[in-house]
């Protein structure tokens, strides 16, 4: 049997890092992934896919990724059921990521109080990025 998913897309929101009562890090985010074909109007449609990352990889994702960043996710599809507060049974599909690759650099921002000067999230442009 095989359950492997590889996705490339942009984060729809900043990653949400939490810790379980046992102390394990868990991070959730969503990827916007364009479909490889166009609809009848000639437009590309987009799927929004929930991603879950655990432990050290979760902390790394939360530290370095933000909304809009391009990332590749490798993992497995998980379908889980739960009972909502209203008593209804719900099912949710999500990708449990084993690896997350950062495919672009942090966006450049203008430094506060320094018109025209730009900086990156990691400071000096010549500095090596830690991944």
Protein backbone atom coordinates (compact mmCIF):
# COMPACT_ATOMS: atom_id res chain seq x y z
CA UNK A 1 0.00 0.00 0.00
CA UNK A 2 1.16 3.51 -0.69
CA UNK A 3 0.00 6.82 0.77
CA UNK A 4 2.31 9.59 -0.41
CA UNK A 5 1.42 13.20 -1.12
CA UNK A 6 3.70 15.89 -2.59
CA UNK A 7 2.34 19.42 -2.85
CA UNK A 8 3.76 22.79 -3.86
CA UNK A 9 1.84 25.92 -2.97
CA UNK A 10 1.69 29.13 -1.00
CA UNK A 11 0.74 29.42 2.66
CA UNK A 12 -2.70 30.96 3.13
CA UNK A 13 -1.94 32.11 6.70
CA UNK A 14 0.93 32.15 9.16
CA UNK A 15 1.63 28.73 10.69
CA UNK A 16 -0.06 28.04 14.04
CA UNK A 17 2.35 26.36 16.49
CA UNK A 18 1.02 24.63 19.60
CA UNK A 19 2.29 22.03 22.04
CA UNK A 20 0.50 18.90 23.23
CA UNK A 21 0.21 18.26 26.98
CA UNK A 22 3.13 15.83 26.55
CA UNK A 23 5.23 18.66 25.09
CA UNK A 24 5.24 17.64 21.40
CA UNK A 25 5.19 20.55 18.95
CA UNK A 26 2.42 20.53 16.35
CA UNK A 27 2.01 23.14 13.62
CA UNK A 28 -0.97 23.71 11.32
CA UNK A 29 -1.16 25.73 8.12
CA UNK A 30 -2.92 25.63 4.76
CA UNK A 31 -1.46 25.59 1.27
CA UNK A 32 -3.11 27.13 -1.77
CA UNK A 33 -2.32 24.76 -4.64
CA UNK A 34 -3.31 25.65 -8.21
CA UNK A 35 -4.90 22.90 -10.29
CA UNK A 36 -2.91 21.98 -13.42
CA UNK A 37 -5.79 22.78 -15.79
CA UNK A 38 -8.23 25.61 -16.45
CA UNK A 39 -12.00 25.59 -16.02
CA UNK A 40 -14.51 26.39 -18.78
CA UNK A 41 -13.90 30.12 -18.26
CA UNK A 42 -10.17 29.63 -18.84
CA UNK A 43 -9.28 30.28 -15.19
CA UNK A 44 -7.17 28.12 -12.90
CA UNK A 45 -8.91 26.90 -9.80
CA UNK A 46 -7.15 26.54 -6.46
CA UNK A 47 -7.41 23.92 -3.74
CA UNK A 48 -6.81 24.90 -0.12
CA UNK A 49 -5.22 21.97 1.69
CA UNK A 50 -4.74 21.67 5.45
CA UNK A 51 -1.27 20.59 6.57
CA UNK A 52 -0.16 19.23 9.96
CA UNK A 53 3.53 19.05 10.95
CA UNK A 54 4.94 17.53 14.14
CA UNK A 55 7.97 17.92 16.43
CA UNK A 56 11.18 19.65 15.27
CA UNK A 57 9.87 20.12 11.73
CA UNK A 58 6.84 21.93 13.22
CA UNK A 59 9.07 24.35 15.12
CA UNK A 60 11.22 24.97 12.04
CA UNK A 61 8.15 25.71 9.90
CA UNK A 62 6.69 28.08 12.50
CA UNK A 63 10.00 29.92 12.82
CA UNK A 64 10.69 30.46 9.11
CA UNK A 65 7.45 30.38 7.10
CA UNK A 66 4.79 33.07 6.87
CA UNK A 67 1.66 33.75 4.85
CA UNK A 68 2.38 33.88 1.11
CA UNK A 69 5.65 31.90 1.21
CA UNK A 70 6.14 29.12 -1.35
CA UNK A 71 6.66 25.67 0.14
CA UNK A 72 6.81 22.01 -0.88
CA UNK A 73 5.22 19.47 1.44
CA UNK A 74 5.88 15.73 1.41
CA UNK A 75 3.75 13.50 3.59
CA UNK A 76 0.66 11.34 3.73
CA UNK A 77 -3.07 11.92 3.42
CA UNK A 78 -4.99 11.39 6.65
CA UNK A 79 -8.77 11.22 6.98
CA UNK A 80 -9.98 11.49 10.55
CA UNK A 81 -13.40 11.66 12.16
CA UNK A 82 -14.53 13.56 15.20
CA UNK A 83 -17.73 14.63 16.88
CA UNK A 84 -18.45 18.36 16.73
CA UNK A 85 -19.86 20.35 19.64
CA UNK A 86 -23.33 20.12 18.08
CA UNK A 87 -23.11 16.30 18.19
CA UNK A 88 -22.64 15.87 14.43
CA UNK A 89 -19.97 13.48 13.19
CA UNK A 90 -17.44 15.25 10.97
CA UNK A 91 -14.63 14.03 8.72
CA UNK A 92 -11.60 16.06 7.80
CA UNK A 93 -8.87 15.39 5.25
CA UNK A 94 -5.40 16.75 5.92
CA UNK A 95 -1.82 16.08 4.93
CA UNK A 96 0.50 14.99 7.73
CA UNK A 97 3.85 16.35 6.55
CA UNK A 98 7.11 14.50 7.01
CA UNK A 99 9.16 17.19 5.27
CA UNK A 100 8.55 20.83 4.40
CA UNK A 101 10.89 22.57 1.98
CA UNK A 102 11.08 26.36 1.74
CA UNK A 103 11.10 27.22 -1.97
CA UNK A 104 11.57 30.97 -1.83
CA UNK A 105 13.35 33.51 0.30
CA UNK A 106 11.54 35.73 2.79
CA UNK A 107 9.94 38.74 1.17
CA UNK A 108 11.91 41.96 1.36
CA UNK A 109 10.52 44.64 3.62
CA UNK A 110 11.39 48.28 4.00
CA UNK A 111 13.16 48.83 7.30
CA UNK A 112 11.18 51.07 9.67
CA UNK A 113 12.50 54.62 9.72
CA UNK A 114 14.86 54.07 6.79
CA UNK A 115 13.18 55.20 3.58
CA UNK A 116 14.43 53.34 0.54
CA UNK A 117 16.51 50.86 2.55
CA UNK A 118 15.45 47.25 2.37
CA UNK A 119 16.12 44.33 4.65
CA UNK A 120 15.19 40.67 4.69
CA UNK A 121 13.69 38.67 7.49
CA UNK A 122 17.18 37.29 8.26
CA UNK A 123 18.97 40.62 8.23
CA UNK A 124 21.96 41.17 5.98
CA UNK A 125 21.46 39.98 2.39
CA UNK A 126 24.88 38.29 2.29
CA UNK A 127 24.14 36.27 5.40
CA UNK A 128 23.45 32.57 4.78
CA UNK A 129 19.87 31.42 5.29
CA UNK A 130 19.72 28.70 7.98
CA UNK A 131 18.03 26.10 5.75
